[in-house]
Protein backbone atom coordinates (compact mmCIF):
# COMPACT_ATOMS: atom_id res chain seq x y z
CA MET A 1 -31.09 -1.66 7.83
CA ARG A 2 -30.50 -4.26 10.63
CA VAL A 3 -26.95 -4.97 11.50
CA ALA A 4 -25.44 -7.54 13.79
CA ILE A 5 -21.88 -6.81 15.50
CA ALA A 6 -20.04 -9.88 16.99
CA GLY A 7 -17.72 -8.19 19.59
CA ALA A 8 -18.83 -5.50 22.12
CA GLY A 9 -15.56 -3.97 22.85
CA ALA A 10 -14.52 -0.57 22.10
CA VAL A 11 -14.26 -1.21 18.22
CA GLY A 12 -17.73 -2.82 18.32
CA ARG A 13 -19.36 -0.23 20.36
CA SER A 14 -17.94 2.71 18.33
CA ILE A 15 -19.18 0.98 15.07
CA ALA A 16 -22.59 0.52 16.75
CA GLY A 17 -22.68 4.26 17.73
CA GLU A 18 -21.96 5.45 14.27
CA LEU A 19 -24.52 3.17 12.75
CA LEU A 20 -27.38 4.18 15.12
CA GLU A 21 -26.68 7.83 14.51
CA ASN A 22 -27.22 7.13 10.79
CA GLY A 23 -30.60 5.57 11.64
CA HIS A 24 -29.64 1.73 11.51
CA GLU A 25 -31.05 -0.93 13.81
CA VAL A 26 -28.03 -2.67 15.79
CA LEU A 27 -27.56 -5.55 17.58
CA LEU A 28 -24.37 -6.02 19.78
CA ILE A 29 -23.20 -9.76 20.66
CA ASP A 30 -20.69 -10.77 23.16
CA LYS A 31 -20.05 -13.69 25.33
CA ASN A 32 -18.12 -11.73 27.91
CA PRO A 33 -20.50 -10.17 30.67
CA ASN A 34 -18.00 -7.46 31.35
CA SER A 35 -18.49 -6.24 27.66
CA ILE A 36 -22.23 -5.98 28.09
CA SER A 37 -22.47 -2.22 28.77
CA VAL A 38 -25.85 -1.23 27.82
CA GLU A 39 -25.54 2.27 29.21
CA ARG A 40 -22.61 3.02 26.68
CA VAL A 41 -24.83 2.29 23.66
CA PRO A 42 -28.40 2.38 25.08
CA LEU A 43 -30.17 2.54 21.61
CA ALA A 44 -28.58 -0.69 20.44
CA GLU A 45 -29.86 -4.24 21.22
CA TRP A 46 -27.68 -6.45 23.34
CA LEU A 47 -27.22 -10.15 23.46
CA LEU A 48 -25.01 -12.04 26.00
CA ALA A 49 -24.11 -15.03 23.90
CA ASP A 50 -21.13 -16.79 21.99
CA ALA A 51 -21.45 -15.58 18.40
CA CYS A 52 -19.67 -18.74 17.29
CA GLU A 53 -22.54 -20.99 18.53
CA ILE A 54 -25.59 -21.66 16.04
CA THR A 55 -28.07 -21.58 18.93
CA SER A 56 -26.79 -18.08 19.76
CA LEU A 57 -27.20 -16.95 16.13
CA ASP A 58 -30.59 -18.34 16.01
CA GLU A 59 -31.57 -16.37 18.99
CA ALA A 60 -29.99 -13.31 17.35
CA ALA A 61 -32.32 -13.90 14.26
CA LEU A 62 -29.24 -13.35 12.04
CA GLN A 63 -31.25 -14.28 9.06
CA ARG A 64 -33.08 -10.85 9.39
CA CYS A 65 -29.81 -9.11 9.29
CA HIS A 66 -28.56 -7.12 6.18
CA VAL A 67 -25.10 -6.88 7.46
CA VAL A 68 -22.91 -8.77 9.85
CA ILE A 69 -19.71 -7.16 11.38
CA ALA A 70 -17.21 -9.65 12.92
CA ALA A 71 -15.46 -7.09 15.26
CA THR A 72 -13.73 -9.26 17.90
CA GLY A 73 -10.15 -9.19 18.85
CA ASP A 74 -9.63 -12.80 17.76
CA ASP A 75 -9.21 -13.62 14.23
CA LYS A 76 -10.42 -17.17 14.67
CA VAL A 77 -13.55 -15.90 16.03
CA ASN A 78 -14.22 -13.51 13.38
CA LEU A 79 -13.62 -16.03 10.63
CA VAL A 80 -16.13 -18.53 12.29
CA VAL A 81 -18.75 -15.73 12.70
CA SER A 82 -18.15 -14.59 9.06
CA LEU A 83 -18.48 -18.16 7.76
CA LEU A 84 -21.59 -18.85 9.71
CA ALA A 85 -23.52 -15.65 8.88
CA LYS A 86 -22.82 -16.21 5.12
CA THR A 87 -23.32 -20.10 4.73
CA GLU A 88 -26.06 -20.73 7.33
CA TYR A 89 -28.05 -17.43 7.48
CA GLY A 90 -27.34 -16.11 4.04
CA VAL A 91 -26.40 -12.58 5.18
CA PRO A 92 -25.96 -10.49 2.15
CA ARG A 93 -22.78 -8.52 3.47
CA VAL A 94 -20.09 -9.59 5.85
CA VAL A 95 -17.63 -7.26 7.06
CA ALA A 96 -14.67 -8.81 9.29
CA ARG A 97 -11.86 -7.19 11.26
CA VAL A 98 -8.37 -8.49 10.78
CA ASN A 99 -6.37 -8.28 14.02
CA ASN A 100 -3.12 -10.10 12.95
CA PRO A 101 -1.99 -9.05 9.12
CA LYS A 102 -0.44 -12.32 8.81
CA ASN A 103 -3.96 -13.77 8.96
CA GLU A 104 -5.33 -11.46 6.25
CA TRP A 105 -4.94 -14.18 3.41
CA LEU A 106 -7.78 -16.12 5.18
CA TYR A 107 -10.37 -13.45 4.84
CA ASN A 108 -11.90 -14.20 1.50
CA GLU A 109 -15.09 -15.37 0.02
CA SER A 110 -14.21 -19.16 1.16
CA TRP A 111 -14.82 -17.95 4.77
CA GLY A 112 -17.81 -15.86 3.86
CA VAL A 113 -16.18 -12.35 4.20
CA ASP A 114 -17.13 -9.73 1.73
CA VAL A 115 -14.86 -7.07 3.09
CA ALA A 116 -11.73 -7.36 5.24
CA VAL A 117 -10.63 -4.48 7.28
CA SER A 118 -6.99 -4.51 8.73
CA THR A 119 -6.56 -1.68 11.02
CA PRO A 120 -2.61 -1.99 10.84
CA ARG A 121 -2.70 -2.22 7.02
CA LEU A 122 -5.06 0.85 6.78
CA MET A 123 -3.07 2.77 9.24
CA SER A 124 0.01 2.36 7.29
CA ALA A 125 -1.85 2.92 4.05
CA LEU A 126 -2.98 6.38 5.32
CA VAL A 127 0.65 7.31 6.35
CA GLU A 128 1.60 6.43 2.88
CA GLU A 129 -1.34 8.20 1.23
CA ALA A 130 -0.35 11.40 3.09
CA VAL A 131 3.29 11.54 2.20
CA SER A 132 3.44 9.97 -1.39
CA VAL A 133 2.39 11.56 -4.74
CA GLY A 134 2.21 9.33 -7.99
CA ASP A 135 2.46 5.93 -6.02
CA LEU A 136 -0.59 3.67 -5.80
CA VAL A 137 -1.62 3.15 -2.04
CA ARG A 138 -4.05 0.17 -1.29
CA LEU A 139 -6.57 1.40 1.24
CA MET A 140 -8.96 -1.71 1.60
CA ARG A 141 -9.56 -5.12 0.15
CA PHE A 142 -12.79 -6.45 -1.13
CA SER A 143 -12.67 -10.20 -0.85
CA GLN A 144 -15.47 -10.90 -3.36
CA GLY A 145 -14.19 -10.32 -6.99
CA ASN A 146 -10.66 -9.91 -5.78
CA ALA A 147 -10.80 -6.06 -5.93
CA ASN A 148 -9.12 -3.36 -3.83
CA LEU A 149 -9.73 0.06 -3.02
CA VAL A 150 -6.74 2.00 -4.09
CA GLU A 151 -5.66 5.69 -4.10
CA LEU A 152 -3.18 7.78 -6.06
CA THR A 153 -2.25 11.62 -5.90
CA LEU A 154 -1.74 12.61 -9.44
CA ALA A 155 1.75 14.20 -9.86
CA ALA A 156 1.98 17.56 -11.78
CA ASP A 157 4.34 16.04 -14.43
CA THR A 158 2.11 13.15 -15.53
CA ASP A 159 0.83 13.16 -19.10
CA LEU A 160 -2.75 12.68 -17.64
CA VAL A 161 -2.89 16.23 -16.21
CA GLY A 162 -5.49 18.16 -18.41
CA THR A 163 -6.86 15.00 -19.87
CA ARG A 164 -10.63 14.37 -19.67
CA VAL A 165 -11.74 11.45 -17.56
CA GLY A 166 -13.66 10.09 -20.71
CA ASP A 167 -10.71 10.12 -22.97
CA VAL A 168 -8.43 7.90 -20.72
CA ALA A 169 -8.21 4.28 -21.71
CA TRP A 170 -8.52 2.89 -18.20
CA PRO A 171 -7.38 -0.71 -17.61
CA VAL A 172 -10.14 -3.24 -17.65
CA ASP A 173 -11.59 -4.18 -14.28
CA THR A 174 -10.89 -0.72 -12.99
CA ALA A 175 -13.24 2.04 -11.96
CA LEU A 176 -12.63 5.61 -11.05
CA VAL A 177 -15.14 6.29 -8.39
CA THR A 178 -13.97 9.47 -6.77
CA ILE A 179 -11.81 12.45 -7.22
CA ILE A 180 -10.82 14.53 -4.09
CA ARG A 181 -9.91 18.07 -5.12
CA GLU A 182 -9.20 20.85 -2.71
CA GLY A 183 -11.28 19.37 0.02
CA ARG A 184 -14.23 18.59 -2.32
CA VAL A 185 -15.45 15.12 -3.21
CA LEU A 186 -16.22 15.07 -7.02
CA VAL A 187 -18.21 12.11 -8.67
CA PRO A 188 -16.11 11.93 -11.98
CA GLY A 189 -17.97 12.35 -15.17
CA GLY A 190 -16.54 11.76 -18.69
CA SER A 191 -16.14 15.41 -19.28
CA ASP A 192 -14.23 16.24 -16.10
CA THR A 193 -10.63 17.15 -16.50
CA LEU A 194 -7.78 15.59 -14.22
CA GLU A 195 -5.75 18.16 -12.47
CA ALA A 196 -2.28 17.84 -10.72
CA GLY A 197 -2.88 17.12 -7.11
CA ASP A 198 -6.15 15.21 -7.52
CA GLU A 199 -6.54 12.38 -5.29
CA LEU A 200 -8.12 9.42 -7.21
CA LEU A 201 -9.95 6.62 -5.71
CA PHE A 202 -10.39 3.55 -7.71
CA VAL A 203 -11.88 0.17 -7.33
CA ALA A 204 -9.59 -2.24 -9.06
CA ALA A 205 -8.77 -5.82 -9.43
CA GLN A 206 -5.51 -6.63 -7.81
CA GLU A 207 -3.86 -7.81 -11.11
CA ARG A 208 -4.55 -4.57 -12.67
CA GLU A 209 -3.11 -2.36 -9.98
CA GLU A 210 0.51 -2.32 -11.62
CA GLU A 211 -1.07 -1.47 -15.02
CA LEU A 212 -3.10 1.32 -13.29
CA GLU A 213 -0.20 2.76 -11.54
CA THR A 214 2.04 2.74 -14.72
CA LEU A 215 -0.96 4.60 -16.59
CA LEU A 216 -1.27 7.26 -14.01
CA ALA A 217 2.51 7.81 -13.83
CA GLY A 218 2.49 8.85 -17.44
């Protein structure tokens, strides 16, 4: 898979390193010469250019990319890169970094964003996830389809403990994708039984979150 990353700072380089280790082809783009550190990620392609310019993206052959990641420290740049990647080059998947949580509402399909990643939100969500039981925690927002990745740790006193996954009347537009139990990651099947302390990960429409939380609270 070919991935272009706009922004070769610490975040962009870290992402590039992970993707390269997983066997992907990575191109790092940055207009700041001081950010071009080929020795730090030697297996990546590098391009000194402004990712907000069409000529730069033509040079990057963005139309050949399967994924574009807008990872700069400037929300305006990330939104412009996302929009150009989606509308001008038809990139199938665009992931964008949210720097200021106040701008998160802009990161949607209108700007070409498929997945918006807000570091402040994610960090606060992980704190909540670590200390809360029985409360729905939003981990990530998927712009297309208005869906979120949410987590809930099943309390011992809920009616769902001991119930088979296939017997639960889950709300529409929600999907249980993973159960984390005692350090193991389980792909849930209809015959699997829910247990107290299970961490349940769902992809759910935002308007269904309250209904889902009520169901899981028993």
